[in-house]
Protein backbone atom coordinates (compact mmCIF):
# COMPACT_ATOMS: atom_id res chain seq x y z
CA MET A 1 90.99 121.21 107.39
CA GLN A 2 90.86 118.49 104.77
CA SER A 3 94.52 119.03 103.91
CA GLN A 4 95.44 118.68 107.57
CA TYR A 5 93.42 115.45 107.81
CA GLN A 6 95.19 114.01 104.73
CA THR A 7 98.56 114.89 106.21
CA ILE A 8 97.68 113.15 109.48
CA ASN A 9 96.37 110.13 107.57
CA ARG A 10 99.55 109.85 105.49
CA SER A 11 101.60 110.14 108.64
CA LYS A 12 99.65 107.28 110.22
CA GLN A 13 100.07 105.15 107.09
CA LYS A 14 103.78 105.85 107.06
CA GLN A 15 104.02 104.89 110.72
CA THR A 16 102.06 101.70 110.04
CA HIS A 17 104.39 100.81 107.15
CA THR A 18 107.38 101.55 109.35
CA ASN A 19 106.01 99.28 112.06
CA ILE A 20 105.44 96.50 109.53
CA MET A 21 108.96 96.92 108.15
CA ASN A 22 110.42 96.80 111.65
CA LYS A 23 108.40 93.66 112.34
CA HIS A 24 109.81 91.96 109.23
CA LEU A 25 113.31 93.08 110.13
CA LEU A 26 112.88 91.50 113.55
CA HIS A 27 111.72 88.31 111.89
CA LEU A 28 114.78 88.40 109.64
CA LEU A 29 117.08 88.92 112.62
CA ALA A 30 115.41 86.07 114.48
CA ALA A 31 115.79 83.76 111.48
CA THR A 32 119.47 84.72 111.16
CA LEU A 33 119.99 84.01 114.86
CA LEU A 34 118.33 80.61 114.50
CA LEU A 35 120.59 79.79 111.56
CA LEU A 36 123.65 80.74 113.61
CA LEU A 37 122.48 78.59 116.49
CA ALA A 38 121.81 75.71 114.11
CA SER A 39 125.33 76.10 112.75
CA CYS A 40 126.77 75.87 116.27
CA ASN A 41 124.61 72.84 116.93
CA THR A 42 125.94 71.18 113.77
CA ARG A 43 129.52 71.65 114.97
CA GLU A 44 128.59 69.98 118.25
CA LYS A 45 127.30 66.97 116.33
CA VAL A 46 130.42 66.62 114.18
CA LEU A 47 133.55 67.58 116.14
CA TYR A 48 135.56 64.85 117.90
CA PHE A 49 136.61 65.15 121.56
CA GLN A 50 134.81 68.44 122.18
CA ASP A 51 135.52 68.34 125.91
CA LEU A 52 139.29 68.15 125.46
CA THR A 53 141.36 71.29 125.91
CA THR A 54 145.09 71.94 126.01
CA GLY A 55 146.49 70.27 129.10
CA THR A 56 143.38 68.15 129.77
CA ILE A 57 144.21 64.97 131.67
CA ALA A 58 141.86 62.20 130.61
CA GLY A 59 141.70 58.69 131.99
CA ALA A 60 142.60 56.10 129.39
CA GLN A 61 142.62 52.35 129.05
CA PRO A 62 146.18 50.95 129.17
CA ILE A 63 147.36 49.56 125.86
CA GLU A 64 147.19 45.78 125.99
CA GLU A 65 148.50 43.08 123.72
CA ILE A 66 145.82 41.14 121.90
CA LYS A 67 145.22 37.72 123.43
CA PHE A 68 144.81 34.61 121.33
CA GLN A 69 141.35 33.10 120.95
CA PRO A 70 140.01 29.78 119.59
CA GLY A 71 139.96 29.95 115.81
CA ASP A 72 143.12 32.06 115.50
CA LYS A 73 145.80 30.89 113.10
CA LEU A 74 149.40 31.03 114.32
CA SER A 75 152.69 30.78 112.49
CA ILE A 76 155.35 29.51 114.93
CA VAL A 77 158.92 29.36 113.66
CA VAL A 78 161.80 27.93 115.72
CA THR A 79 165.36 28.87 114.76
CA SER A 80 168.81 28.08 116.14
CA CYS A 81 172.24 29.48 115.33
CA LEU A 82 174.20 26.49 116.56
CA THR A 83 172.02 23.66 115.26
CA PRO A 84 169.64 24.92 112.54
CA GLU A 85 169.02 21.35 111.40
CA ALA A 86 167.74 20.43 114.87
CA ALA A 87 165.49 23.50 114.94
CA ALA A 88 163.77 22.30 111.78
CA ASN A 89 162.37 19.34 113.70
CA PHE A 90 160.14 21.70 115.72
CA ASN A 91 158.68 23.50 112.71
CA LEU A 92 155.72 22.56 110.57
CA PRO A 93 156.69 21.69 106.99
CA VAL A 94 156.56 24.41 104.35
CA ILE A 95 154.63 23.21 101.30
CA THR A 96 156.06 24.17 97.92
CA THR A 97 153.48 24.43 95.17
CA SER A 98 154.12 24.86 91.46
CA ALA A 99 152.02 25.32 88.38
CA VAL A 100 152.46 25.84 84.66
CA SER A 101 150.38 28.51 82.99
CA GLY A 102 152.45 29.84 80.14
CA ALA A 103 155.38 30.07 82.55
CA ALA A 104 156.50 27.84 85.41
CA TYR A 105 156.55 29.23 88.95
CA SER A 106 156.62 27.93 92.48
CA SER A 107 155.61 29.35 95.87
CA ASN A 108 156.07 28.39 99.48
CA GLN A 109 152.96 28.03 101.62
CA VAL A 110 153.33 28.26 105.39
CA ILE A 111 151.15 25.90 107.41
CA TYR A 112 149.50 27.54 110.39
CA TYR A 113 148.53 26.15 113.76
CA ASN A 114 144.78 26.42 114.32
CA VAL A 115 143.87 27.25 117.90
CA SER A 116 141.30 24.62 118.85
CA THR A 117 138.03 25.22 120.67
CA ASP A 118 139.72 24.30 123.95
CA GLY A 119 142.37 26.98 123.31
CA THR A 120 145.34 24.71 122.57
CA ILE A 121 147.69 23.77 119.73
CA GLU A 122 149.78 20.65 119.14
CA MET A 123 153.43 21.49 118.46
CA PRO A 124 156.01 18.95 117.19
CA GLY A 125 158.46 17.93 119.90
CA VAL A 126 156.71 20.08 122.50
CA GLY A 127 153.22 18.63 122.64
CA THR A 128 150.07 20.42 123.77
CA VAL A 129 150.48 24.14 124.32
CA SER A 130 147.71 26.24 125.88
CA VAL A 131 147.53 29.60 124.06
CA ALA A 132 143.98 30.96 124.44
CA GLY A 133 143.80 34.02 126.70
CA LYS A 134 147.55 34.58 126.40
CA THR A 135 149.47 37.24 124.52
CA ARG A 136 152.02 36.68 121.78
CA SER A 137 154.91 37.46 124.14
CA GLN A 138 153.59 35.07 126.81
CA VAL A 139 153.24 32.15 124.40
CA THR A 140 156.63 32.93 122.85
CA THR A 141 158.29 32.83 126.29
CA GLU A 142 156.55 29.58 127.27
CA ILE A 143 157.51 27.69 124.08
CA GLN A 144 161.03 29.07 124.13
CA SER A 145 161.49 28.00 127.78
CA ALA A 146 160.18 24.50 127.01
CA LEU A 147 162.61 24.10 124.11
CA ARG A 148 165.59 25.41 126.05
CA ASN A 149 164.89 22.91 128.80
CA GLY A 150 167.04 20.19 127.16
CA LEU A 151 165.50 20.17 123.65
CA LEU A 152 167.19 23.10 121.91
CA ASN A 153 169.27 25.23 124.23
CA ASP A 154 169.59 28.28 121.95
CA ALA A 155 166.07 28.15 120.53
CA VAL A 156 164.54 31.40 119.28
CA VAL A 157 160.76 31.40 118.76
CA THR A 158 158.89 33.80 116.46
CA ILE A 159 155.07 33.89 116.40
CA ASN A 160 152.90 35.64 113.82
CA THR A 161 149.14 35.55 113.23
CA SER A 162 147.22 35.15 110.01
CA ASN A 163 143.53 35.88 110.44
CA GLN A 164 143.03 38.44 113.19
CA TYR A 165 140.77 41.23 111.99
CA VAL A 166 138.04 43.69 112.94
CA THR A 167 134.97 44.63 110.89
CA LEU A 168 133.69 48.17 110.31
CA LEU A 169 130.17 48.76 109.01
CA GLY A 170 127.78 51.65 108.55
CA GLU A 171 128.74 55.29 108.07
CA VAL A 172 132.46 54.92 107.37
CA GLN A 173 134.17 55.79 104.12
CA LYS A 174 135.38 52.22 103.43
CA PRO A 175 133.43 49.49 105.26
CA GLY A 176 135.00 46.05 105.43
CA HIS A 177 137.39 43.68 107.21
CA TYR A 178 140.68 45.13 108.44
CA SER A 179 143.58 42.94 109.53
CA ILE A 180 145.26 43.50 112.88
CA THR A 181 148.91 43.72 111.97
CA ARG A 182 150.32 44.39 115.45
CA ASP A 183 149.62 43.55 119.07
CA ASN A 184 147.21 46.40 119.71
CA LEU A 185 144.71 48.38 117.67
CA THR A 186 142.55 51.23 119.00
CA LEU A 187 139.06 52.17 117.86
CA LEU A 188 140.39 55.47 116.51
CA GLU A 189 143.03 53.67 114.45
CA ALA A 190 140.41 51.27 113.05
CA ILE A 191 138.22 54.22 112.02
CA GLY A 192 141.28 55.74 110.39
CA LEU A 193 141.90 52.54 108.43
CA ALA A 194 138.33 52.80 107.13
CA GLY A 195 138.93 56.35 105.89
CA ASP A 196 137.19 58.09 108.84
CA LEU A 197 133.47 58.54 109.49
CA THR A 198 131.21 60.05 106.84
CA ILE A 199 129.56 63.40 107.49
CA GLN A 200 126.25 61.50 107.87
CA ALA A 201 127.54 59.47 110.83
CA ASP A 202 125.99 59.76 114.28
CA ARG A 203 129.15 60.31 116.31
CA SER A 204 127.30 59.91 119.59
CA ARG A 205 126.30 56.26 118.98
CA ILE A 206 129.12 54.04 117.73
CA LEU A 207 128.37 50.42 118.50
CA VAL A 208 131.12 47.89 119.24
CA MET A 209 130.02 44.24 119.43
CA ARG A 210 132.40 41.80 121.11
CA GLN A 211 132.30 38.06 121.70
CA GLU A 212 133.18 37.34 125.33
CA GLY A 213 133.01 33.63 126.05
CA THR A 214 129.54 32.47 125.09
CA GLU A 215 128.09 36.00 125.18
CA LEU A 216 127.95 38.72 122.55
CA LYS A 217 128.23 42.05 124.37
CA SER A 218 127.32 45.46 122.98
CA TYR A 219 129.03 48.74 123.87
CA TYR A 220 127.99 52.21 122.74
CA VAL A 221 130.61 54.96 122.68
CA ASP A 222 130.55 58.69 121.86
CA ILE A 223 133.52 59.80 119.82
CA ARG A 224 132.75 63.43 120.69
CA SER A 225 133.72 62.83 124.30
CA LYS A 226 137.02 62.08 126.04
CA ASP A 227 135.17 59.28 127.87
CA LEU A 228 135.88 57.19 124.78
CA LEU A 229 139.50 56.91 125.94
CA SER A 230 138.46 55.05 129.09
CA SER A 231 135.96 52.76 127.36
CA PRO A 232 136.64 49.00 127.57
CA VAL A 233 136.39 48.86 123.76
CA PHE A 234 138.87 51.66 123.05
CA ASN A 235 141.46 48.90 122.61
CA LEU A 236 139.98 46.52 120.08
CA LYS A 237 140.18 42.73 120.01
CA GLN A 238 140.11 40.37 117.06
CA ASN A 239 136.63 39.72 115.65
CA ASP A 240 135.20 42.98 117.09
CA VAL A 241 132.45 44.47 114.91
CA ILE A 242 132.11 48.26 114.81
CA TYR A 243 128.84 49.70 113.49
CA VAL A 244 128.47 53.46 112.99
CA GLU A 245 124.83 54.57 113.00
CA PRO A 246 123.54 57.16 110.50
CA ASN A 247 122.42 60.56 111.75
CA LEU A 248 118.84 61.82 111.44
CA VAL A 249 119.34 63.41 108.02
CA ARG A 250 120.81 60.21 106.63
CA SER A 251 118.06 58.08 108.19
CA ASN A 252 115.37 60.32 106.71
CA GLN A 253 116.65 59.56 103.23
CA TYR A 254 115.05 56.13 103.62
CA THR A 255 111.67 57.43 104.79
CA ASN A 256 108.88 59.13 102.86
CA ASN A 257 110.85 62.18 101.79
CA ALA A 258 111.24 63.48 105.34
CA ASN A 259 114.19 65.64 104.33
CA SER A 260 112.25 66.94 101.33
CA VAL A 261 109.37 67.98 103.59
CA ARG A 262 111.76 69.87 105.83
CA LEU A 263 113.35 71.52 102.81
CA VAL A 264 109.97 72.50 101.30
CA SER A 265 108.81 74.06 104.58
CA THR A 266 112.01 76.10 104.73
CA TRP A 267 111.57 77.38 101.21
CA LEU A 268 107.89 78.18 101.82
CA SER A 269 108.83 80.25 104.85
CA LEU A 270 111.45 82.10 102.83
CA LEU A 271 109.01 82.65 99.96
CA SER A 272 106.41 84.00 102.36
CA PHE A 273 108.90 86.45 103.81
CA LEU A 274 110.03 87.64 100.38
CA THR A 275 106.42 88.08 99.22
CA SER A 276 105.57 90.18 102.27
CA THR A 277 108.66 92.30 101.72
CA ILE A 278 107.83 92.92 98.05
CA ILE A 279 104.22 93.91 98.89
CA LEU A 280 105.47 96.24 101.60
CA ILE A 281 107.92 97.94 99.23
CA LYS A 282 105.23 98.42 96.58
CA ASN A 283 102.85 100.01 99.09
CA TRP A 284 105.48 102.26 100.61
């Protein structure tokens, strides 16, 4: 009778241990599932244009030439094949500088037109030219037409800019000023110039600040969505400021060890699980 009782008791203990082991296995499976879900969630926070698939048709802002603004610096050169000497009368003088520092050298310095606050420039032989709000091609055509109207019939006008730039700040690899070297620059291209976003960047909140008249407007865009392509700030303008916010992990680095607390709690949970497993194995 006693032997039968001991057998039944051992059987119950074994069943209890089995139940405990199954419970821990379920906990382990649940933790693994949570880790997998967290991994998927991380991809959603990082990947660009997640809602684009092959053949997706997305609305996009048309590419526009950058328009001149007050404060821009313009280089305007007039040339002529038939009368180059006459063309020189419509150009600003080129200043030649020289210095002696162990060896003599000289350099030519181009003088730029500064677009005034009223959006105009004063051009020799032509007079006041309104340029603000106009593109390079529009101003080129206007000056060329004015010159060919009895002043210089074969005039060719070339316009270049000197100080058009955008500024990138925050979670990009190389923050700083970046010159606009052609008539259009997209937000994606500007991010590329800055070496792309860092892994700590919040891709859902990229701020673009733009001066429009007397107002400074703010636009938030999400680089994970194709809606970025139709944003009014997809095509950048000179003096735009792009600020990329840090994500939660990055922000927590500046608080009272928030990331450390999260890490400690994770390790404590893992330690608790391992301890329970070891005790279970010893009592098996």
